[in-house]
């Protein structure tokens, strides 16, 4: 009887460890996927800000140019 119980315990713990490993892998993959998505979003935001800044910089230079031209 004791041998059967020990055998079941081994099987149970093996199964438990196996599922723990699977769960850990899934969580790691989810985390990596989230980080990848987050980085992509941040990069897109950064690019968007750069475009806006560059546009504003061009507009500002354009107005400086016009004011210079008008002063002459």
PDB file of N, CA and C in Angstrom:
ATOM      1  N   UNK A   1       0.828  -1.208   0.000  1.00  0.00           N
ATOM      2  CA  UNK A   1       0.000   0.000   0.000  1.00  0.00           C
ATOM      3  C   UNK A   1       0.868   1.267   0.000  1.00  0.00           C
ATOM      4  N   UNK A   2       1.881   1.248   0.840  1.00  0.00           N
ATOM      5  CA  UNK A   2       2.774   2.409   0.939  1.00  0.00           C
ATOM      6  C   UNK A   2       3.492   2.666  -0.393  1.00  0.00           C
ATOM      7  N   UNK A   3       3.869   1.617  -1.065  1.00  0.00           N
ATOM      8  CA  UNK A   3       4.558   1.753  -2.351  1.00  0.00           C
ATOM      9  C   UNK A   3       3.632   2.403  -3.373  1.00  0.00           C
ATOM     10  N   UNK A   4       2.358   2.010  -3.374  1.00  0.00           N
ATOM     11  CA  UNK A   4       1.396   2.615  -4.306  1.00  0.00           C
ATOM     12  C   UNK A   4       1.252   4.106  -4.039  1.00  0.00           C
ATOM     13  N   UNK A   5       1.145   4.450  -2.751  1.00  0.00           N
ATOM     14  CA  UNK A   5       0.992   5.874  -2.393  1.00  0.00           C
ATOM     15  C   UNK A   5       2.227   6.649  -2.841  1.00  0.00           C
ATOM     16  N   UNK A   6       3.402   6.120  -2.595  1.00  0.00           N
ATOM     17  CA  UNK A   6       4.636   6.785  -3.022  1.00  0.00           C
ATOM     18  C   UNK A   6       4.681   6.934  -4.541  1.00  0.00           C
ATOM     19  N   UNK A   7       4.236   5.900  -5.215  1.00  0.00           N
ATOM     20  CA  UNK A   7       4.213   5.942  -6.666  1.00  0.00           C
ATOM     21  C   UNK A   7       3.264   7.049  -7.156  1.00  0.00           C
ATOM     22  N   UNK A   8       2.084   7.134  -6.535  1.00  0.00           N
ATOM     23  CA  UNK A   8       1.133   8.198  -6.906  1.00  0.00           C
ATOM     24  C   UNK A   8       1.696   9.576  -6.595  1.00  0.00           C
ATOM     25  N   UNK A   9       2.362   9.669  -5.453  1.00  0.00           N
ATOM     26  CA  UNK A   9       2.967  10.956  -5.088  1.00  0.00           C
ATOM     27  C   UNK A   9       4.002  11.378  -6.123  1.00  0.00           C
ATOM     28  N   UNK A  10       4.840  10.454  -6.556  1.00  0.00           N
ATOM     29  CA  UNK A  10       5.852  10.762  -7.576  1.00  0.00           C
ATOM     30  C   UNK A  10       5.184  11.225  -8.866  1.00  0.00           C
ATOM     31  N   UNK A  11       4.166  10.483  -9.286  1.00  0.00           N
ATOM     32  CA  UNK A  11       3.461  10.864 -10.514  1.00  0.00           C
ATOM     33  C   UNK A  11       2.831  12.245 -10.372  1.00  0.00           C
ATOM     34  N   UNK A  12       2.207  12.478  -9.214  1.00  0.00           N
ATOM     35  CA  UNK A  12       1.567  13.770  -8.990  1.00  0.00           C
ATOM     36  C   UNK A  12       2.584  14.905  -9.042  1.00  0.00           C
ATOM     37  N   UNK A  13       3.713  14.733  -8.331  1.00  0.00           N
ATOM     38  CA  UNK A  13       4.722  15.795  -8.314  1.00  0.00           C
ATOM     39  C   UNK A  13       5.377  15.975  -9.677  1.00  0.00           C
ATOM     40  N   UNK A  14       5.572  14.904 -10.387  1.00  0.00           N
ATOM     41  CA  UNK A  14       6.107  15.031 -11.743  1.00  0.00           C
ATOM     42  C   UNK A  14       5.152  15.837 -12.624  1.00  0.00           C
ATOM     43  N   UNK A  15       3.869  15.494 -12.502  1.00  0.00           N
ATOM     44  CA  UNK A  15       2.863  16.217 -13.279  1.00  0.00           C
ATOM     45  C   UNK A  15       2.804  17.685 -12.868  1.00  0.00           C
ATOM     46  N   UNK A  16       2.860  17.904 -11.556  1.00  0.00           N
ATOM     47  CA  UNK A  16       2.825  19.274 -11.034  1.00  0.00           C
ATOM     48  C   UNK A  16       4.018  20.079 -11.548  1.00  0.00           C
ATOM     49  N   UNK A  17       5.194  19.494 -11.483  1.00  0.00           N
ATOM     50  CA  UNK A  17       6.399  20.188 -11.962  1.00  0.00           C
ATOM     51  C   UNK A  17       6.324  20.449 -13.457  1.00  0.00           C
ATOM     52  N   UNK A  18       5.807  19.478 -14.163  1.00  0.00           N
ATOM     53  CA  UNK A  18       5.655  19.649 -15.601  1.00  0.00           C
ATOM     54  C   UNK A  18       4.739  20.842 -15.907  1.00  0.00           C
ATOM     55  N   UNK A  19       3.616  20.933 -15.197  1.00  0.00           N
ATOM     56  CA  UNK A  19       2.688  22.039 -15.431  1.00  0.00           C
ATOM     57  C   UNK A  19       3.259  23.372 -14.959  1.00  0.00           C
ATOM     58  N   UNK A  20       4.060  23.310 -13.905  1.00  0.00           N
ATOM     59  CA  UNK A  20       4.724  24.543 -13.459  1.00  0.00           C
ATOM     60  C   UNK A  20       5.648  25.066 -14.552  1.00  0.00           C
ATOM     61  N   UNK A  21       6.414  24.152 -15.168  1.00  0.00           N
ATOM     62  CA  UNK A  21       7.331  24.557 -16.240  1.00  0.00           C
ATOM     63  C   UNK A  21       6.559  25.152 -17.416  1.00  0.00           C
ATOM     64  N   UNK A  22       5.473  24.496 -17.786  1.00  0.00           N
ATOM     65  CA  UNK A  22       4.659  24.989 -18.907  1.00  0.00           C
ATOM     66  C   UNK A  22       4.111  26.375 -18.576  1.00  0.00           C
ATOM     67  N   UNK A  23       3.575  26.527 -17.367  1.00  0.00           N
ATOM     68  CA  UNK A  23       3.016  27.809 -16.941  1.00  0.00           C
ATOM     69  C   UNK A  23       4.085  28.897 -16.957  1.00  0.00           C
ATOM     70  N   UNK A  24       5.263  28.552 -16.446  1.00  0.00           N
ATOM     71  CA  UNK A  24       6.365  29.517 -16.411  1.00  0.00           C
ATOM     72  C   UNK A  24       6.758  29.936 -17.831  1.00  0.00           C
ATOM     73  N   UNK A  25       6.828  28.968 -18.748  1.00  0.00           N
ATOM     74  CA  UNK A  25       7.159  29.286 -20.138  1.00  0.00           C
ATOM     75  C   UNK A  25       6.110  30.192 -20.764  1.00  0.00           C
ATOM     76  N   UNK A  26       4.845  29.891 -20.491  1.00  0.00           N
ATOM     77  CA  UNK A  26       3.754  30.705 -21.051  1.00  0.00           C
ATOM     78  C   UNK A  26       3.838  32.128 -20.513  1.00  0.00           C
ATOM     79  N   UNK A  27       4.069  32.250 -19.199  1.00  0.00           N
ATOM     80  CA  UNK A  27       4.167  33.579 -18.597  1.00  0.00           C
ATOM     81  C   UNK A  27       5.358  34.345 -19.168  1.00  0.00           C
ATOM     82  N   UNK A  28       6.480  33.654 -19.349  1.00  0.00           N
ATOM     83  CA  UNK A  28       7.671  34.299 -19.909  1.00  0.00           C
ATOM     84  C   UNK A  28       7.387  34.774 -21.334  1.00  0.00           C
ATOM     85  N   UNK A  29       6.728  33.928 -22.118  1.00  0.00           N
ATOM     86  CA  UNK A  29       6.394  34.315 -23.486  1.00  0.00           C
ATOM     87  C   UNK A  29       5.445  35.506 -23.509  1.00  0.00           C
ATOM     88  N   UNK A  30       4.467  35.493 -22.606  1.00  0.00           N
ATOM     89  CA  UNK A  30       3.535  36.624 -22.528  1.00  0.00           C
ATOM     90  C   UNK A  30       4.280  37.897 -22.177  1.00  0.00           C
ATOM     91  N   UNK A  31       5.193  37.775 -21.215  1.00  0.00           N
ATOM     92  CA  UNK A  31       5.954  38.946 -20.800  1.00  0.00           C
ATOM     93  C   UNK A  31       6.811  39.477 -21.946  1.00  0.00           C
ATOM     94  N   UNK A  32       7.473  38.566 -22.650  1.00  0.00           N
ATOM     95  CA  UNK A  32       8.302  38.985 -23.783  1.00  0.00           C
ATOM     96  C   UNK A  32       7.451  39.646 -24.868  1.00  0.00           C
ATOM     97  N   UNK A  33       6.279  39.062 -25.122  1.00  0.00           N
ATOM     98  CA  UNK A  33       5.371  39.621 -26.121  1.00  0.00           C
ATOM     99  C   UNK A  33       4.913  41.016 -25.698  1.00  0.00           C
ATOM    100  N   UNK A  34       4.593  41.160 -24.417  1.00  0.00           N
ATOM    101  CA  UNK A  34       4.157  42.458 -23.900  1.00  0.00           C
ATOM    102  C   UNK A  34       5.274  43.485 -24.032  1.00  0.00           C
ATOM    103  N   UNK A  35       6.504  43.070 -23.666  1.00  0.00           N
ATOM    104  CA  UNK A  35       7.632  43.994 -23.774  1.00  0.00           C
ATOM    105  C   UNK A  35       7.856  44.410 -25.225  1.00  0.00           C
ATOM    106  N   UNK A  36       7.743  43.444 -26.136  1.00  0.00           N
ATOM    107  CA  UNK A  36       7.939  43.741 -27.552  1.00  0.00           C
ATOM    108  C   UNK A  36       6.878  44.733 -28.038  1.00  0.00           C
ATOM    109  N   UNK A  37       5.625  44.469 -27.665  1.00  0.00           N
ATOM    110  CA  UNK A  37       4.542  45.372 -28.062  1.00  0.00           C
ATOM    111  C   UNK A  37       4.724  46.749 -27.451  1.00  0.00           C
ATOM    112  N   UNK A  38       5.119  46.789 -26.188  1.00  0.00           N
ATOM    113  CA  UNK A  38       5.313  48.062 -25.501  1.00  0.00           C
ATOM    114  C   UNK A  38       6.427  48.859 -26.174  1.00  0.00           C
ATOM    115  N   UNK A  39       7.526  48.178 -26.491  1.00  0.00           N
ATOM    116  CA  UNK A  39       8.642  48.864 -27.149  1.00  0.00           C
ATOM    117  C   UNK A  39       8.232  49.378 -28.522  1.00  0.00           C
ATOM    118  N   UNK A  40       7.439  48.596 -29.250  1.00  0.00           N
ATOM    119  CA  UNK A  40       6.969  49.033 -30.563  1.00  0.00           C
ATOM    120  C   UNK A  40       6.112  50.284 -30.421  1.00  0.00           C
ATOM    121  N   UNK A  41       5.214  50.265 -29.446  1.00  0.00           N
ATOM    122  CA  UNK A  41       4.339  51.426 -29.214  1.00  0.00           C
ATOM    123  C   UNK A  41       5.175  52.640 -28.849  1.00  0.00           C
ATOM    124  N   UNK A  42       6.152  52.456 -27.952  1.00  0.00           N
ATOM    125  CA  UNK A  42       7.002  53.578 -27.545  1.00  0.00           C
ATOM    126  C   UNK A  42       7.790  54.122 -28.733  1.00  0.00           C
ATOM    127  N   UNK A  43       8.321  53.239 -29.561  1.00  0.00           N
ATOM    128  CA  UNK A  43       9.073  53.686 -30.732  1.00  0.00           C
ATOM    129  C   UNK A  43       8.178  54.460 -31.695  1.00  0.00           C
ATOM    130  N   UNK A  44       6.946  53.982 -31.869  1.00  0.00           N
ATOM    131  CA  UNK A  44       6.017  54.685 -32.750  1.00  0.00           C
ATOM    132  C   UNK A  44       5.684  56.059 -32.197  1.00  0.00           C
ATOM    133  N   UNK A  45       5.491  56.142 -30.884  1.00  0.00           N
ATOM    134  CA  UNK A  45       5.213  57.445 -30.265  1.00  0.00           C
ATOM    135  C   UNK A  45       6.398  58.381 -30.451  1.00  0.00           C
ATOM    136  N   UNK A  46       7.589  57.827 -30.244  1.00  0.00           N
ATOM    137  CA  UNK A  46       8.791  58.637 -30.391  1.00  0.00           C
ATOM    138  C   UNK A  46       8.916  59.164 -31.818  1.00  0.00           C
ATOM    139  N   UNK A  47       8.683  58.304 -32.793  1.00  0.00           N
ATOM    140  CA  UNK A  47       8.743  58.731 -34.185  1.00  0.00           C
ATOM    141  C   UNK A  47       7.700  59.813 -34.467  1.00  0.00           C
ATOM    142  N   UNK A  48       6.516  59.627 -33.895  1.00  0.00           N
ATOM    143  CA  UNK A  48       5.453  60.615 -34.081  1.00  0.00           C
ATOM    144  C   UNK A  48       5.872  61.966 -33.493  1.00  0.00           C
ATOM    145  N   UNK A  49       6.463  61.934 -32.301  1.00  0.00           N
ATOM    146  CA  UNK A  49       6.939  63.178 -31.685  1.00  0.00           C
ATOM    147  C   UNK A  49       8.028  63.817 -32.526  1.00  0.00           C
ATOM    148  N   UNK A  50       8.929  63.005 -33.047  1.00  0.00           N
ATOM    149  CA  UNK A  50      10.006  63.549 -33.883  1.00  0.00           C
ATOM    150  C   UNK A  50       9.436  64.229 -35.115  1.00  0.00           C
ATOM    151  N   UNK A  51       8.434  63.598 -35.735  1.00  0.00           N
ATOM    152  CA  UNK A  51       7.814  64.202 -36.919  1.00  0.00           C
ATOM    153  C   UNK A  51       7.177  65.537 -36.570  1.00  0.00           C
ATOM    154  N   UNK A  52       6.434  65.562 -35.455  1.00  0.00           N
ATOM    155  CA  UNK A  52       5.776  66.813 -35.038  1.00  0.00           C
ATOM    156  C   UNK A  52       6.805  67.892 -34.737  1.00  0.00           C
ATOM    157  N   UNK A  53       7.854  67.500 -34.028  1.00  0.00           N
ATOM    158  CA  UNK A  53       8.884  68.463 -33.681  1.00  0.00           C
ATOM    159  C   UNK A  53       9.543  69.011 -34.938  1.00  0.00           C
ATOM    160  N   UNK A  54       9.857  68.112 -35.872  1.00  0.00           N
ATOM    161  CA  UNK A  54      10.501  68.544 -37.100  1.00  0.00           C
ATOM    162  C   UNK A  54       9.578  69.488 -37.879  1.00  0.00           C
ATOM    163  N   UNK A  55       8.282  69.153 -37.897  1.00  0.00           N
ATOM    164  CA  UNK A  55       7.322  70.008 -38.582  1.00  0.00           C
ATOM    165  C   UNK A  55       7.270  71.381 -37.919  1.00  0.00           C
ATOM    166  N   UNK A  56       7.202  71.396 -36.601  1.00  0.00           N
ATOM    167  CA  UNK A  56       7.165  72.682 -35.882  1.00  0.00           C
ATOM    168  C   UNK A  56       8.445  73.472 -36.116  1.00  0.00           C
ATOM    169  N   UNK A  57       9.565  72.757 -36.131  1.00  0.00           N
ATOM    170  CA  UNK A  57      10.840  73.421 -36.359  1.00  0.00           C
ATOM    171  C   UNK A  57      10.864  74.058 -37.742  1.00  0.00           C
ATOM    172  N   UNK A  58      10.350  73.348 -38.753  1.00  0.00           N
ATOM    173  CA  UNK A  58      10.295  73.888 -40.113  1.00  0.00           C
ATOM    174  C   UNK A  58       9.381  75.102 -40.162  1.00  0.00           C
ATOM    175  N   UNK A  59       8.225  74.991 -39.494  1.00  0.00           N
ATOM    176  CA  UNK A  59       7.267  76.106 -39.494  1.00  0.00           C
ATOM    177  C   UNK A  59       7.879  77.323 -38.811  1.00  0.00           C
ATOM    178  N   UNK A  60       8.539  77.079 -37.680  1.00  0.00           N
ATOM    179  CA  UNK A  60       9.166  78.176 -36.949  1.00  0.00           C
ATOM    180  C   UNK A  60      10.228  78.844 -37.815  1.00  0.00           C
ATOM    181  N   UNK A  61      11.035  78.064 -38.492  1.00  0.00           N
ATOM    182  CA  UNK A  61      12.048  78.630 -39.386  1.00  0.00           C
ATOM    183  C   UNK A  61      11.408  79.388 -40.532  1.00  0.00           C
ATOM    184  N   UNK A  62      10.310  78.860 -41.007  1.00  0.00           N
ATOM    185  CA  UNK A  62       9.613  79.526 -42.092  1.00  0.00           C
ATOM    186  C   UNK A  62       9.112  80.908 -41.640  1.00  0.00           C
ATOM    187  N   UNK A  63       8.554  80.955 -40.413  1.00  0.00           N
ATOM    188  CA  UNK A  63       8.075  82.250 -39.903  1.00  0.00           C
ATOM    189  C   UNK A  63       9.229  83.192 -39.637  1.00  0.00           C
ATOM    190  N   UNK A  64      10.337  82.665 -39.165  1.00  0.00           N
ATOM    191  CA  UNK A  64      11.534  83.504 -38.988  1.00  0.00           C
ATOM    192  C   UNK A  64      11.981  84.067 -40.336  1.00  0.00           C
ATOM    193  N   UNK A  65      11.946  83.237 -41.335  1.00  0.00           N
ATOM    194  CA  UNK A  65      12.339  83.665 -42.667  1.00  0.00           C
ATOM    195  C   UNK A  65      11.399  84.784 -43.167  1.00  0.00           C
ATOM    196  N   UNK A  66      10.095  84.598 -42.953  1.00  0.00           N
ATOM    197  CA  UNK A  66       9.130  85.609 -43.396  1.00  0.00           C
ATOM    198  C   UNK A  66       9.337  86.924 -42.646  1.00  0.00           C
ATOM    199  N   UNK A  67       9.536  86.845 -41.335  1.00  0.00           N
ATOM    200  CA  UNK A  67       9.751  88.081 -40.572  1.00  0.00           C
ATOM    201  C   UNK A  67      11.039  88.772 -41.022  1.00  0.00           C
ATOM    202  N   UNK A  68      12.054  87.987 -41.305  1.00  0.00           N
ATOM    203  CA  UNK A  68      13.286  88.572 -41.822  1.00  0.00           C
ATOM    204  C   UNK A  68      13.025  89.263 -43.169  1.00  0.00           C
ATOM    205  N   UNK A  69      12.294  88.567 -43.989  1.00  0.00           N
ATOM    206  CA  UNK A  69      11.985  89.102 -45.313  1.00  0.00           C
ATOM    207  C   UNK A  69      11.158  90.390 -45.200  1.00  0.00           C
ATOM    208  N   UNK A  70      10.217  90.392 -44.258  1.00  0.00           N
ATOM    209  CA  UNK A  70       9.366  91.567 -44.081  1.00  0.00           C
ATOM    210  C   UNK A  70      10.141  92.751 -43.494  1.00  0.00           C
ATOM    211  N   UNK A  71      11.141  92.451 -42.707  1.00  0.00           N
ATOM    212  CA  UNK A  71      11.957  93.529 -42.121  1.00  0.00           C
ATOM    213  C   UNK A  71      12.790  94.226 -43.186  1.00  0.00           C
ATOM    214  N   UNK A  72      13.138  93.501 -44.204  1.00  0.00           N
ATOM    215  CA  UNK A  72      13.989  94.064 -45.265  1.00  0.00           C
ATOM    216  C   UNK A  72      13.211  94.942 -46.134  1.00  0.00           C
TER     217      UNK A  72
END
